[in-house]
C-alpha atoms as a PDB file:
ATOM      1  CA  UNK A   1      89.298  86.614  95.229  1.00  0.00           C
ATOM      2  CA  UNK A   2      91.380  88.124  92.466  1.00  0.00           C
ATOM      3  CA  UNK A   3      94.952  86.804  92.416  1.00  0.00           C
ATOM      4  CA  UNK A   4      97.896  89.189  92.054  1.00  0.00           C
ATOM      5  CA  UNK A   5     101.073  88.561  90.078  1.00  0.00           C
ATOM      6  CA  UNK A   6     104.134  87.641  92.205  1.00  0.00           C
ATOM      7  CA  UNK A   7     106.384  90.226  90.576  1.00  0.00           C
ATOM      8  CA  UNK A   8     103.808  92.989  90.862  1.00  0.00           C
ATOM      9  CA  UNK A   9     103.333  92.486  94.621  1.00  0.00           C
ATOM     10  CA  UNK A  10     107.126  92.260  95.057  1.00  0.00           C
ATOM     11  CA  UNK A  11     107.548  95.639  93.388  1.00  0.00           C
ATOM     12  CA  UNK A  12     104.816  97.176  95.588  1.00  0.00           C
ATOM     13  CA  UNK A  13     106.219  95.723  98.837  1.00  0.00           C
ATOM     14  CA  UNK A  14     109.778  96.864  98.004  1.00  0.00           C
ATOM     15  CA  UNK A  15     108.547 100.476  97.953  1.00  0.00           C
ATOM     16  CA  UNK A  16     107.388 100.166 101.573  1.00  0.00           C
ATOM     17  CA  UNK A  17     109.535  97.469 103.247  1.00  0.00           C
ATOM     18  CA  UNK A  18     113.096  96.109 103.410  1.00  0.00           C
ATOM     19  CA  UNK A  19     114.152  93.080 101.350  1.00  0.00           C
ATOM     20  CA  UNK A  20     113.908  90.635 104.272  1.00  0.00           C
ATOM     21  CA  UNK A  21     110.479  91.892 105.332  1.00  0.00           C
ATOM     22  CA  UNK A  22     109.244  91.646 101.747  1.00  0.00           C
ATOM     23  CA  UNK A  23     110.376  88.004 101.550  1.00  0.00           C
ATOM     24  CA  UNK A  24     108.754  87.161 104.912  1.00  0.00           C
ATOM     25  CA  UNK A  25     105.430  88.683 103.873  1.00  0.00           C
ATOM     26  CA  UNK A  26     105.386  86.735 100.588  1.00  0.00           C
ATOM     27  CA  UNK A  27     105.937  83.389 102.359  1.00  0.00           C
ATOM     28  CA  UNK A  28     103.328  84.130 105.099  1.00  0.00           C
ATOM     29  CA  UNK A  29     105.980  84.352 107.829  1.00  0.00           C
ATOM     30  CA  UNK A  30     104.959  87.925 108.744  1.00  0.00           C
ATOM     31  CA  UNK A  31     101.827  89.963 108.182  1.00  0.00           C
ATOM     32  CA  UNK A  32     101.200  93.487 106.987  1.00  0.00           C
ATOM     33  CA  UNK A  33      99.770  95.751 109.682  1.00  0.00           C
ATOM     34  CA  UNK A  34      96.096  96.725 109.403  1.00  0.00           C
ATOM     35  CA  UNK A  35      97.142 100.351 108.867  1.00  0.00           C
ATOM     36  CA  UNK A  36      99.298  99.323 105.878  1.00  0.00           C
ATOM     37  CA  UNK A  37      96.482  97.107 104.535  1.00  0.00           C
ATOM     38  CA  UNK A  38      94.227 100.160 104.410  1.00  0.00           C
ATOM     39  CA  UNK A  39      96.981 102.175 102.726  1.00  0.00           C
ATOM     40  CA  UNK A  40      97.594  99.431 100.106  1.00  0.00           C
ATOM     41  CA  UNK A  41      93.846  99.238  99.399  1.00  0.00           C
ATOM     42  CA  UNK A  42      93.731 103.006  98.843  1.00  0.00           C
ATOM     43  CA  UNK A  43      96.922 103.177  96.744  1.00  0.00           C
ATOM     44  CA  UNK A  44      96.867  99.907  94.784  1.00  0.00           C
ATOM     45  CA  UNK A  45      93.354  98.467  95.215  1.00  0.00           C
ATOM     46  CA  UNK A  46      94.529  95.341  97.086  1.00  0.00           C
ATOM     47  CA  UNK A  47      91.599  93.981  99.150  1.00  0.00           C
ATOM     48  CA  UNK A  48      91.931  93.070 102.857  1.00  0.00           C
ATOM     49  CA  UNK A  49      91.176  89.392 102.096  1.00  0.00           C
ATOM     50  CA  UNK A  50      94.405  89.154 100.082  1.00  0.00           C
ATOM     51  CA  UNK A  51      96.548  89.515 103.215  1.00  0.00           C
ATOM     52  CA  UNK A  52      94.924  86.561 105.044  1.00  0.00           C
ATOM     53  CA  UNK A  53      96.970  84.077 102.989  1.00  0.00           C
ATOM     54  CA  UNK A  54      99.353  85.913 100.671  1.00  0.00           C
ATOM     55  CA  UNK A  55     101.052  82.842  99.213  1.00  0.00           C
ATOM     56  CA  UNK A  56      97.833  81.262  97.952  1.00  0.00           C
ATOM     57  CA  UNK A  57      96.713  84.551  96.368  1.00  0.00           C
ATOM     58  CA  UNK A  58      99.811  84.965  94.189  1.00  0.00           C
ATOM     59  CA  UNK A  59     100.187  83.862  90.576  1.00  0.00           C
ATOM     60  CA  UNK A  60     103.304  83.312  88.500  1.00  0.00           C
ATOM     61  CA  UNK A  61     105.441  82.206  91.466  1.00  0.00           C
ATOM     62  CA  UNK A  62     108.938  81.226  90.278  1.00  0.00           C
ATOM     63  CA  UNK A  63     110.106  77.629  90.862  1.00  0.00           C
ATOM     64  CA  UNK A  64     112.708  77.006  93.554  1.00  0.00           C
ATOM     65  CA  UNK A  65     116.111  75.585  92.732  1.00  0.00           C
ATOM     66  CA  UNK A  66     118.950  76.360  90.406  1.00  0.00           C
ATOM     67  CA  UNK A  67     118.397  77.571  86.922  1.00  0.00           C
ATOM     68  CA  UNK A  68     119.820  75.286  84.213  1.00  0.00           C
ATOM     69  CA  UNK A  69     123.202  76.287  82.802  1.00  0.00           C
ATOM     70  CA  UNK A  70     123.248  77.712  79.325  1.00  0.00           C
ATOM     71  CA  UNK A  71     124.991  75.606  76.696  1.00  0.00           C
ATOM     72  CA  UNK A  72     128.151  76.878  75.004  1.00  0.00           C
ATOM     73  CA  UNK A  73     126.243  77.718  71.821  1.00  0.00           C
ATOM     74  CA  UNK A  74     123.697  79.873  73.763  1.00  0.00           C
ATOM     75  CA  UNK A  75     126.405  81.895  75.553  1.00  0.00           C
ATOM     76  CA  UNK A  76     128.058  83.122  72.346  1.00  0.00           C
END
């Protein structure tokens, strides 16, 4: 199974779904309908197997938590 970049799938899902639905799909809380799976395969080449477990098929997932503050010298 070919893995898909996190940011690429986010961009694709935002074209078709709201922000909350996009987030829920990426964390496996909701699933894409079979009709949409067929449409995504035709438009973007995403296979049906990808949607079984979206989270495990993503690469480059950002870490959770706060980003470190920039130092004074980096801000200027």
